[in-house]
PDB file of all heavy atoms in Angstrom:
ATOM      1  N   TYR A   1     104.872  97.381 110.385  1.00  0.00           N
ATOM      2  CA  TYR A   1     103.665  97.152 111.211  1.00  0.00           C
ATOM      3  C   TYR A   1     103.080  98.536 111.495  1.00  0.00           C
ATOM      4  O   TYR A   1     103.755  99.562 111.683  1.00  0.00           O
ATOM      5  CB  TYR A   1     104.260  96.658 112.622  1.00  0.00           C
ATOM      6  CG  TYR A   1     104.733  95.276 112.520  1.00  0.00           C
ATOM      7  CD1 TYR A   1     106.093  94.961 112.304  1.00  0.00           C
ATOM      8  CD2 TYR A   1     103.908  94.202 112.642  1.00  0.00           C
ATOM      9  CE1 TYR A   1     106.619  93.766 112.208  1.00  0.00           C
ATOM     10  CE2 TYR A   1     104.299  92.845 112.526  1.00  0.00           C
ATOM     11  CZ  TYR A   1     105.716  92.685 112.180  1.00  0.00           C
ATOM     12  OH  TYR A   1     106.213  91.401 112.104  1.00  0.00           O
ATOM     13  N   PHE A   2     101.760  98.499 111.403  1.00  0.00           N
ATOM     14  CA  PHE A   2     100.923  99.733 111.574  1.00  0.00           C
ATOM     15  C   PHE A   2      99.962  99.605 112.665  1.00  0.00           C
ATOM     16  O   PHE A   2      99.438  98.551 112.907  1.00  0.00           O
ATOM     17  CB  PHE A   2     100.091 100.038 110.336  1.00  0.00           C
ATOM     18  CG  PHE A   2     100.910 100.333 109.043  1.00  0.00           C
ATOM     19  CD1 PHE A   2     101.607  99.356 108.336  1.00  0.00           C
ATOM     20  CD2 PHE A   2     101.094 101.682 108.661  1.00  0.00           C
ATOM     21  CE1 PHE A   2     102.301  99.618 107.243  1.00  0.00           C
ATOM     22  CE2 PHE A   2     101.810 101.968 107.481  1.00  0.00           C
ATOM     23  CZ  PHE A   2     102.462 101.019 106.866  1.00  0.00           C
ATOM     24  N   ALA A   3      99.698 100.741 113.369  1.00  0.00           N
ATOM     25  CA  ALA A   3      98.651 100.708 114.445  1.00  0.00           C
ATOM     26  C   ALA A   3      97.327 100.598 113.825  1.00  0.00           C
ATOM     27  O   ALA A   3      97.074 101.131 112.733  1.00  0.00           O
ATOM     28  CB  ALA A   3      98.734 102.002 115.272  1.00  0.00           C
ATOM     29  N   ARG A   4      96.428  99.884 114.453  1.00  0.00           N
ATOM     30  CA  ARG A   4      95.020  99.805 113.920  1.00  0.00           C
ATOM     31  C   ARG A   4      94.262 101.049 114.087  1.00  0.00           C
ATOM     32  O   ARG A   4      94.353 101.752 115.241  1.00  0.00           O
ATOM     33  CB  ARG A   4      94.407  98.728 114.694  1.00  0.00           C
ATOM     34  CG  ARG A   4      93.101  98.223 113.926  1.00  0.00           C
ATOM     35  CD  ARG A   4      92.533  96.970 114.654  1.00  0.00           C
ATOM     36  NE  ARG A   4      93.396  95.872 114.781  1.00  0.00           N
ATOM     37  CZ  ARG A   4      93.670  94.882 113.745  1.00  0.00           C
ATOM     38  NH1 ARG A   4      93.101  94.962 112.606  1.00  0.00           N
ATOM     39  NH2 ARG A   4      94.432  93.820 113.924  1.00  0.00           N
ATOM     40  N   ARG A   5      93.462 101.515 113.149  1.00  0.00           N
ATOM     41  CA  ARG A   5      92.558 102.631 113.267  1.00  0.00           C
ATOM     42  C   ARG A   5      91.308 102.289 112.654  1.00  0.00           C
ATOM     43  O   ARG A   5      91.082 101.317 112.001  1.00  0.00           O
ATOM     44  CB  ARG A   5      93.172 103.883 112.493  1.00  0.00           C
ATOM     45  CG  ARG A   5      94.473 104.373 112.963  1.00  0.00           C
ATOM     46  CD  ARG A   5      94.223 105.151 114.261  1.00  0.00           C
ATOM     47  NE  ARG A   5      95.531 105.702 114.737  1.00  0.00           N
ATOM     48  CZ  ARG A   5      96.184 105.226 115.830  1.00  0.00           C
ATOM     49  NH1 ARG A   5      95.841 104.058 116.334  1.00  0.00           N
ATOM     50  NH2 ARG A   5      97.313 105.638 116.165  1.00  0.00           N
ATOM     51  N   GLN A   6      90.368 103.094 112.838  1.00  0.00           N
ATOM     52  CA  GLN A   6      89.009 102.905 112.103  1.00  0.00           C
ATOM     53  C   GLN A   6      89.191 103.174 110.659  1.00  0.00           C
ATOM     54  O   GLN A   6      89.965 104.161 110.300  1.00  0.00           O
ATOM     55  CB  GLN A   6      87.985 103.900 112.701  1.00  0.00           C
ATOM     56  CG  GLN A   6      86.513 103.598 112.180  1.00  0.00           C
ATOM     57  CD  GLN A   6      85.559 104.385 112.951  1.00  0.00           C
ATOM     58  OE1 GLN A   6      85.768 105.152 113.910  1.00  0.00           O
ATOM     59  NE2 GLN A   6      84.222 104.254 112.526  1.00  0.00           N
ATOM     60  N   GLY A   7      88.671 102.372 109.809  1.00  0.00           N
ATOM     61  CA  GLY A   7      89.060 102.302 108.413  1.00  0.00           C
ATOM     62  C   GLY A   7      88.606 103.405 107.518  1.00  0.00           C
ATOM     63  O   GLY A   7      89.340 104.090 106.849  1.00  0.00           O
ATOM     64  N   PHE A   8      87.304 103.570 107.327  1.00  0.00           N
ATOM     65  CA  PHE A   8      86.631 104.482 106.410  1.00  0.00           C
ATOM     66  C   PHE A   8      86.980 104.141 104.938  1.00  0.00           C
ATOM     67  O   PHE A   8      86.570 104.952 104.067  1.00  0.00           O
ATOM     68  CB  PHE A   8      87.050 105.902 106.671  1.00  0.00           C
ATOM     69  CG  PHE A   8      86.747 106.314 108.147  1.00  0.00           C
ATOM     70  CD1 PHE A   8      87.758 106.522 109.007  1.00  0.00           C
ATOM     71  CD2 PHE A   8      85.384 106.665 108.575  1.00  0.00           C
ATOM     72  CE1 PHE A   8      87.366 106.840 110.339  1.00  0.00           C
ATOM     73  CE2 PHE A   8      85.144 107.051 109.771  1.00  0.00           C
ATOM     74  CZ  PHE A   8      86.163 107.165 110.646  1.00  0.00           C
ATOM     75  N   THR A   9      87.598 103.034 104.613  1.00  0.00           N
ATOM     76  CA  THR A   9      87.995 102.683 103.287  1.00  0.00           C
ATOM     77  C   THR A   9      87.392 101.334 102.730  1.00  0.00           C
ATOM     78  O   THR A   9      87.564 101.043 101.634  1.00  0.00           O
ATOM     79  CB  THR A   9      89.447 102.695 103.076  1.00  0.00           C
ATOM     80  OG1 THR A   9      89.993 101.759 103.955  1.00  0.00           O
ATOM     81  CG2 THR A   9      90.091 104.018 103.332  1.00  0.00           C
ATOM     82  N   SER A  10      86.872 100.541 103.655  1.00  0.00           N
ATOM     83  CA  SER A  10      86.354  99.237 103.222  1.00  0.00           C
ATOM     84  C   SER A  10      84.880  99.204 103.666  1.00  0.00           C
ATOM     85  O   SER A  10      84.454  99.893 104.553  1.00  0.00           O
ATOM     86  CB  SER A  10      87.141  98.079 103.799  1.00  0.00           C
ATOM     87  OG  SER A  10      87.085  98.173 105.161  1.00  0.00           O
ATOM     88  N   VAL A  11      84.123  98.132 103.129  1.00  0.00           N
ATOM     89  CA  VAL A  11      82.715  97.984 103.441  1.00  0.00           C
ATOM     90  C   VAL A  11      82.693  96.481 103.895  1.00  0.00           C
ATOM     91  O   VAL A  11      82.607  95.604 103.166  1.00  0.00           O
ATOM     92  CB  VAL A  11      81.829  98.114 102.271  1.00  0.00           C
ATOM     93  CG1 VAL A  11      80.405  97.958 102.664  1.00  0.00           C
ATOM     94  CG2 VAL A  11      82.144  99.531 101.705  1.00  0.00           C
ATOM     95  N   PRO A  12      82.602  96.329 105.339  1.00  0.00           N
ATOM     96  CA  PRO A  12      82.405  94.958 105.845  1.00  0.00           C
ATOM     97  C   PRO A  12      81.106  94.534 105.413  1.00  0.00           C
ATOM     98  O   PRO A  12      80.140  95.187 105.209  1.00  0.00           O
ATOM     99  CB  PRO A  12      82.619  95.191 107.330  1.00  0.00           C
ATOM    100  CG  PRO A  12      82.678  96.624 107.575  1.00  0.00           C
ATOM    101  CD  PRO A  12      82.789  97.377 106.309  1.00  0.00           C
ATOM    102  N   SER A  13      80.936  93.134 105.314  1.00  0.00           N
ATOM    103  CA  SER A  13      79.711  92.566 104.961  1.00  0.00           C
ATOM    104  C   SER A  13      78.481  92.745 105.921  1.00  0.00           C
ATOM    105  O   SER A  13      77.420  92.599 105.512  1.00  0.00           O
ATOM    106  CB  SER A  13      79.913  91.037 104.598  1.00  0.00           C
ATOM    107  OG  SER A  13      80.322  90.408 105.788  1.00  0.00           O
ATOM    108  N   GLN A  14      78.935  93.028 107.151  1.00  0.00           N
ATOM    109  CA  GLN A  14      77.838  93.209 108.167  1.00  0.00           C
ATOM    110  C   GLN A  14      78.330  94.347 109.183  1.00  0.00           C
ATOM    111  O   GLN A  14      79.672  94.552 109.404  1.00  0.00           O
ATOM    112  CB  GLN A  14      77.569  91.970 108.925  1.00  0.00           C
ATOM    113  CG  GLN A  14      78.719  91.369 109.533  1.00  0.00           C
ATOM    114  CD  GLN A  14      78.487  90.186 110.384  1.00  0.00           C
ATOM    115  OE1 GLN A  14      77.872  90.387 111.478  1.00  0.00           O
ATOM    116  NE2 GLN A  14      78.732  88.911 109.833  1.00  0.00           N
ATOM    117  N   GLY A  15      77.450  94.951 109.871  1.00  0.00           N
ATOM    118  CA  GLY A  15      77.841  95.794 111.006  1.00  0.00           C
ATOM    119  C   GLY A  15      78.406  97.122 110.718  1.00  0.00           C
ATOM    120  O   GLY A  15      78.438  97.609 109.534  1.00  0.00           O
ATOM    121  N   GLY A  16      78.891  97.711 111.776  1.00  0.00           N
ATOM    122  CA  GLY A  16      79.398  99.166 111.745  1.00  0.00           C
ATOM    123  C   GLY A  16      80.737  99.378 111.227  1.00  0.00           C
ATOM    124  O   GLY A  16      81.058  99.258 110.129  1.00  0.00           O
ATOM    125  N   SER A  17      81.647  99.686 112.177  1.00  0.00           N
ATOM    126  CA  SER A  17      82.920 100.229 111.782  1.00  0.00           C
ATOM    127  C   SER A  17      83.873  99.290 111.056  1.00  0.00           C
ATOM    128  O   SER A  17      83.789  98.105 111.306  1.00  0.00           O
ATOM    129  CB  SER A  17      83.702 100.805 113.096  1.00  0.00           C
ATOM    130  OG  SER A  17      83.651  99.730 113.969  1.00  0.00           O
ATOM    131  N   SER A  18      84.664  99.846 110.177  1.00  0.00           N
ATOM    132  CA  SER A  18      85.578  99.008 109.450  1.00  0.00           C
ATOM    133  C   SER A  18      86.968  99.287 110.066  1.00  0.00           C
ATOM    134  O   SER A  18      87.175 100.165 110.802  1.00  0.00           O
ATOM    135  CB  SER A  18      85.640  99.437 107.877  1.00  0.00           C
ATOM    136  OG  SER A  18      85.964 100.736 107.839  1.00  0.00           O
ATOM    137  N   LEU A  19      87.794  98.299 109.688  1.00  0.00           N
ATOM    138  CA  LEU A  19      89.239  98.329 110.261  1.00  0.00           C
ATOM    139  C   LEU A  19      90.197  98.996 109.303  1.00  0.00           C
ATOM    140  O   LEU A  19      90.078  98.648 108.113  1.00  0.00           O
ATOM    141  CB  LEU A  19      89.703  96.857 110.681  1.00  0.00           C
ATOM    142  CG  LEU A  19      88.970  96.251 111.824  1.00  0.00           C
ATOM    143  CD1 LEU A  19      89.468  94.836 111.941  1.00  0.00           C
ATOM    144  CD2 LEU A  19      88.991  96.857 113.020  1.00  0.00           C
ATOM    145  N   GLY A  20      91.062  99.849 109.776  1.00  0.00           N
ATOM    146  CA  GLY A  20      92.123 100.436 109.008  1.00  0.00           C
ATOM    147  C   GLY A  20      93.359 100.393 109.627  1.00  0.00           C
ATOM    148  O   GLY A  20      93.598  99.762 110.701  1.00  0.00           O
ATOM    149  N   MET A  21      94.359 101.194 109.197  1.00  0.00           N
ATOM    150  CA  MET A  21      95.592 101.324 109.731  1.00  0.00           C
ATOM    151  C   MET A  21      96.106 102.729 109.795  1.00  0.00           C
ATOM    152  O   MET A  21      95.579 103.634 109.090  1.00  0.00           O
ATOM    153  CB  MET A  21      96.699 100.440 109.102  1.00  0.00           C
ATOM    154  CG  MET A  21      96.881 100.730 107.685  1.00  0.00           C
ATOM    155  SD  MET A  21      97.958  99.463 107.033  1.00  0.00           S
ATOM    156  CE  MET A  21      98.295 100.206 105.447  1.00  0.00           C
ATOM    157  N   ALA A  22      97.021 103.128 110.655  1.00  0.00           N
ATOM    158  CA  ALA A  22      97.548 104.462 110.844  1.00  0.00           C
ATOM    159  C   ALA A  22      98.279 104.921 109.551  1.00  0.00           C
ATOM    160  O   ALA A  22      98.586 104.081 108.673  1.00  0.00           O
ATOM    161  CB  ALA A  22      98.547 104.517 112.017  1.00  0.00           C
ATOM    162  N   GLN A  23      98.366 106.171 109.345  1.00  0.00           N
ATOM    163  CA  GLN A  23      99.142 106.609 108.195  1.00  0.00           C
ATOM    164  C   GLN A  23     100.573 106.206 107.960  1.00  0.00           C
ATOM    165  O   GLN A  23     100.974 106.026 106.929  1.00  0.00           O
ATOM    166  CB  GLN A  23      99.142 108.228 108.103  1.00  0.00           C
ATOM    167  CG  GLN A  23      97.751 108.911 107.990  1.00  0.00           C
ATOM    168  CD  GLN A  23      97.254 108.804 106.528  1.00  0.00           C
ATOM    169  OE1 GLN A  23      98.012 108.761 105.630  1.00  0.00           O
ATOM    170  NE2 GLN A  23      96.049 108.936 106.344  1.00  0.00           N
ATOM    171  N   ARG A  24     101.231 106.075 109.164  1.00  0.00           N
ATOM    172  CA  ARG A  24     102.639 105.748 109.066  1.00  0.00           C
ATOM    173  C   ARG A  24     102.808 104.434 109.931  1.00  0.00           C
ATOM    174  O   ARG A  24     102.211 104.252 111.014  1.00  0.00           O
ATOM    175  CB  ARG A  24     103.532 106.743 109.622  1.00  0.00           C
ATOM    176  CG  ARG A  24     103.385 108.041 108.877  1.00  0.00           C
ATOM    177  CD  ARG A  24     104.327 109.201 109.211  1.00  0.00           C
ATOM    178  NE  ARG A  24     105.745 108.855 109.214  1.00  0.00           N
ATOM    179  CZ  ARG A  24     106.577 108.675 108.234  1.00  0.00           C
ATOM    180  NH1 ARG A  24     106.150 108.936 106.975  1.00  0.00           N
ATOM    181  NH2 ARG A  24     107.751 108.251 108.257  1.00  0.00           N
ATOM    182  N   HIS A  25     103.866 103.754 109.688  1.00  0.00           N
ATOM    183  CA  HIS A  25     104.223 102.489 110.257  1.00  0.00           C
ATOM    184  C   HIS A  25     104.881 102.835 111.686  1.00  0.00           C
ATOM    185  O   HIS A  25     105.472 103.854 111.766  1.00  0.00           O
ATOM    186  CB  HIS A  25     105.075 101.589 109.573  1.00  0.00           C
ATOM    187  CG  HIS A  25     106.333 102.062 109.152  1.00  0.00           C
ATOM    188  ND1 HIS A  25     106.554 102.942 108.061  1.00  0.00           N
ATOM    189  CD2 HIS A  25     107.585 101.966 109.722  1.00  0.00           C
ATOM    190  CE1 HIS A  25     107.831 103.167 107.933  1.00  0.00           C
ATOM    191  NE2 HIS A  25     108.454 102.637 108.964  1.00  0.00           N
ATOM    192  N   ASN A  26     104.654 102.008 112.643  1.00  0.00           N
ATOM    193  CA  ASN A  26     105.196 102.248 113.917  1.00  0.00           C
ATOM    194  C   ASN A  26     106.481 101.283 114.173  1.00  0.00           C
ATOM    195  O   ASN A  26     107.284 101.577 115.218  1.00  0.00           O
ATOM    196  CB  ASN A  26     104.314 102.123 115.048  1.00  0.00           C
ATOM    197  CG  ASN A  26     103.613 100.831 115.146  1.00  0.00           C
ATOM    198  OD1 ASN A  26     103.899  99.806 114.469  1.00  0.00           O
ATOM    199  ND2 ASN A  26     102.450 100.703 115.837  1.00  0.00           N
ATOM    200  N   SER A  27     106.692 100.231 113.289  1.00  0.00           N
ATOM    201  CA  SER A  27     107.903  99.439 113.500  1.00  0.00           C
ATOM    202  C   SER A  27     108.206  98.710 112.332  1.00  0.00           C
ATOM    203  O   SER A  27     107.241  98.664 111.391  1.00  0.00           O
ATOM    204  CB  SER A  27     107.816  98.547 114.726  1.00  0.00           C
ATOM    205  OG  SER A  27     106.717  97.631 114.504  1.00  0.00           O
ATOM    206  N   VAL A  28     109.364  98.269 112.098  1.00  0.00           N
ATOM    207  CA  VAL A  28     109.731  97.568 110.929  1.00  0.00           C
ATOM    208  C   VAL A  28     110.555  96.313 111.365  1.00  0.00           C
ATOM    209  O   VAL A  28     111.356  96.500 112.348  1.00  0.00           O
ATOM    210  CB  VAL A  28     110.650  98.396 109.933  1.00  0.00           C
ATOM    211  CG1 VAL A  28     111.171  97.536 108.838  1.00  0.00           C
ATOM    212  CG2 VAL A  28     110.020  99.689 109.476  1.00  0.00           C
ATOM    213  N   ARG A  29     110.355  95.118 110.744  1.00  0.00           N
ATOM    214  CA  ARG A  29     111.113  94.074 111.052  1.00  0.00           C
ATOM    215  C   ARG A  29     111.585  93.330 109.729  1.00  0.00           C
ATOM    216  O   ARG A  29     110.812  93.219 108.870  1.00  0.00           O
ATOM    217  CB  ARG A  29     110.331  93.142 111.957  1.00  0.00           C
ATOM    218  CG  ARG A  29     111.146  91.872 112.401  1.00  0.00           C
ATOM    219  CD  ARG A  29     110.732  91.470 113.698  1.00  0.00           C
ATOM    220  NE  ARG A  29     111.520  90.257 114.134  1.00  0.00           N
ATOM    221  CZ  ARG A  29     111.124  89.196 114.696  1.00  0.00           C
ATOM    222  NH1 ARG A  29     109.823  89.165 115.085  1.00  0.00           N
ATOM    223  NH2 ARG A  29     111.916  88.192 114.955  1.00  0.00           N
ATOM    224  N   ARG A  30     112.786  92.844 109.744  1.00  0.00           N
ATOM    225  CA  ARG A  30     113.303  92.218 108.630  1.00  0.00           C
ATOM    226  C   ARG A  30     113.591  90.678 108.958  1.00  0.00           C
ATOM    227  O   ARG A  30     114.003  90.471 110.069  1.00  0.00           O
ATOM    228  CB  ARG A  30     114.640  92.877 108.132  1.00  0.00           C
ATOM    229  CG  ARG A  30     114.418  94.050 107.512  1.00  0.00           C
ATOM    230  CD  ARG A  30     115.529  94.890 106.897  1.00  0.00           C
ATOM    231  NE  ARG A  30     115.204  95.991 106.237  1.00  0.00           N
ATOM    232  CZ  ARG A  30     114.867  97.168 106.789  1.00  0.00           C
ATOM    233  NH1 ARG A  30     114.924  97.180 108.111  1.00  0.00           N
ATOM    234  NH2 ARG A  30     114.668  98.211 106.094  1.00  0.00           N
ATOM    235  N   TYR A  31     113.214  89.831 108.082  1.00  0.00           N
ATOM    236  CA  TYR A  31     113.362  88.423 108.270  1.00  0.00           C
ATOM    237  C   TYR A  31     114.050  87.799 107.015  1.00  0.00           C
ATOM    238  O   TYR A  31     114.003  88.386 105.937  1.00  0.00           O
ATOM    239  CB  TYR A  31     111.861  87.763 108.290  1.00  0.00           C
ATOM    240  CG  TYR A  31     110.979  88.191 109.331  1.00  0.00           C
ATOM    241  CD1 TYR A  31     110.098  89.220 109.110  1.00  0.00           C
ATOM    242  CD2 TYR A  31     110.983  87.505 110.510  1.00  0.00           C
ATOM    243  CE1 TYR A  31     109.215  89.623 110.072  1.00  0.00           C
ATOM    244  CE2 TYR A  31     110.064  87.941 111.527  1.00  0.00           C
ATOM    245  CZ  TYR A  31     109.192  88.936 111.345  1.00  0.00           C
ATOM    246  OH  TYR A  31     108.282  89.326 112.212  1.00  0.00           O
ATOM    247  N   THR A  32     114.764  86.771 107.203  1.00  0.00           N
ATOM    248  CA  THR A  32     115.188  85.867 106.092  1.00  0.00           C
ATOM    249  C   THR A  32     113.909  85.183 105.726  1.00  0.00           C
ATOM    250  O   THR A  32     112.869  85.156 106.452  1.00  0.00           O
ATOM    251  CB  THR A  32     116.239  84.905 106.527  1.00  0.00           C
ATOM    252  OG1 THR A  32     115.635  83.901 107.487  1.00  0.00           O
ATOM    253  CG2 THR A  32     117.494  85.567 107.206  1.00  0.00           C
ATOM    254  N   LEU A  33     113.962  84.480 104.555  1.00  0.00           N
ATOM    255  CA  LEU A  33     112.767  83.801 103.955  1.00  0.00           C
ATOM    256  C   LEU A  33     112.346  82.755 104.940  1.00  0.00           C
ATOM    257  O   LEU A  33     111.231  82.454 105.248  1.00  0.00           O
ATOM    258  CB  LEU A  33     113.056  83.283 102.654  1.00  0.00           C
ATOM    259  CG  LEU A  33     113.186  84.316 101.581  1.00  0.00           C
ATOM    260  CD1 LEU A  33     113.528  83.682 100.138  1.00  0.00           C
ATOM    261  CD2 LEU A  33     111.924  85.132 101.336  1.00  0.00           C
ATOM    262  N   CYS A  34     113.454  82.070 105.460  1.00  0.00           N
ATOM    263  CA  CYS A  34     113.056  80.886 106.492  1.00  0.00           C
ATOM    264  C   CYS A  34     112.495  81.459 107.717  1.00  0.00           C
ATOM    265  O   CYS A  34     111.456  80.865 108.268  1.00  0.00           O
ATOM    266  CB  CYS A  34     114.455  80.080 106.669  1.00  0.00           C
ATOM    267  SG  CYS A  34     114.241  78.679 107.762  1.00  0.00           S
ATOM    268  N   GLU A  35     113.074  82.515 108.301  1.00  0.00           N
ATOM    269  CA  GLU A  35     112.468  83.045 109.520  1.00  0.00           C
ATOM    270  C   GLU A  35     111.057  83.481 109.284  1.00  0.00           C
ATOM    271  O   GLU A  35     110.165  83.294 110.216  1.00  0.00           O
ATOM    272  CB  GLU A  35     113.306  84.280 109.971  1.00  0.00           C
ATOM    273  CG  GLU A  35     114.775  83.928 110.537  1.00  0.00           C
ATOM    274  CD  GLU A  35     115.590  85.104 110.745  1.00  0.00           C
ATOM    275  OE1 GLU A  35     115.272  86.254 110.229  1.00  0.00           O
ATOM    276  OE2 GLU A  35     116.573  85.068 111.507  1.00  0.00           O
ATOM    277  N   PHE A  36     110.750  84.197 108.063  1.00  0.00           N
ATOM    278  CA  PHE A  36     109.471  84.571 107.869  1.00  0.00           C
ATOM    279  C   PHE A  36     108.444  83.480 107.711  1.00  0.00           C
ATOM    280  O   PHE A  36     107.437  83.630 108.310  1.00  0.00           O
ATOM    281  CB  PHE A  36     109.449  85.497 106.594  1.00  0.00           C
ATOM    282  CG  PHE A  36     108.139  86.069 106.284  1.00  0.00           C
ATOM    283  CD1 PHE A  36     107.639  87.119 107.136  1.00  0.00           C
ATOM    284  CD2 PHE A  36     107.315  85.637 105.261  1.00  0.00           C
ATOM    285  CE1 PHE A  36     106.388  87.789 106.803  1.00  0.00           C
ATOM    286  CE2 PHE A  36     106.003  86.188 104.938  1.00  0.00           C
ATOM    287  CZ  PHE A  36     105.647  87.256 105.803  1.00  0.00           C
ATOM    288  N   ALA A  37     108.803  82.356 107.070  1.00  0.00           N
ATOM    289  CA  ALA A  37     108.013  81.183 107.024  1.00  0.00           C
ATOM    290  C   ALA A  37     107.672  80.702 108.402  1.00  0.00           C
ATOM    291  O   ALA A  37     106.561  80.342 108.635  1.00  0.00           O
ATOM    292  CB  ALA A  37     108.620  80.227 106.148  1.00  0.00           C
ATOM    293  N   GLN A  38     108.667  80.672 109.125  1.00  0.00           N
ATOM    294  CA  GLN A  38     108.416  80.178 110.569  1.00  0.00           C
ATOM    295  C   GLN A  38     107.556  81.041 111.381  1.00  0.00           C
ATOM    296  O   GLN A  38     106.628  80.600 112.099  1.00  0.00           O
ATOM    297  CB  GLN A  38     109.735  79.952 111.349  1.00  0.00           C
ATOM    298  CG  GLN A  38     110.596  78.770 110.793  1.00  0.00           C
ATOM    299  CD  GLN A  38     111.995  78.816 111.408  1.00  0.00           C
ATOM    300  OE1 GLN A  38     112.499  79.791 111.964  1.00  0.00           O
ATOM    301  NE2 GLN A  38     112.652  77.643 111.143  1.00  0.00           N
ATOM    302  N   GLU A  39     107.693  82.312 111.222  1.00  0.00           N
ATOM    303  CA  GLU A  39     106.862  83.247 111.862  1.00  0.00           C
ATOM    304  C   GLU A  39     105.364  83.221 111.415  1.00  0.00           C
ATOM    305  O   GLU A  39     104.476  83.247 112.290  1.00  0.00           O
ATOM    306  CB  GLU A  39     107.431  84.776 111.638  1.00  0.00           C
ATOM    307  CG  GLU A  39     106.673  85.865 112.304  1.00  0.00           C
ATOM    308  CD  GLU A  39     106.985  85.872 113.799  1.00  0.00           C
ATOM    309  OE1 GLU A  39     108.031  85.347 114.187  1.00  0.00           O
ATOM    310  OE2 GLU A  39     106.315  86.666 114.549  1.00  0.00           O
ATOM    311  N   GLN A  40     105.223  83.049 110.103  1.00  0.00           N
ATOM    312  CA  GLN A  40     103.947  82.827 109.545  1.00  0.00           C
ATOM    313  C   GLN A  40     103.262  81.664 110.160  1.00  0.00           C
ATOM    314  O   GLN A  40     102.106  81.592 110.509  1.00  0.00           O
ATOM    315  CB  GLN A  40     103.972  82.778 108.055  1.00  0.00           C
ATOM    316  CG  GLN A  40     104.157  84.178 107.432  1.00  0.00           C
ATOM    317  CD  GLN A  40     103.145  85.086 107.499  1.00  0.00           C
ATOM    318  OE1 GLN A  40     103.108  85.932 108.610  1.00  0.00           O
ATOM    319  NE2 GLN A  40     102.173  85.093 106.742  1.00  0.00           N
TER     320      GLN A  40
END
């Protein structure tokens, strides 16, 4: 999981700022395949 930042790397189809993410992740979570499917 990464904190959201201003992107500067993509071009949205409309409007101003783009979305990006921080350089480093702020948390990690491990799931089994079943848990991940349920989370999704």
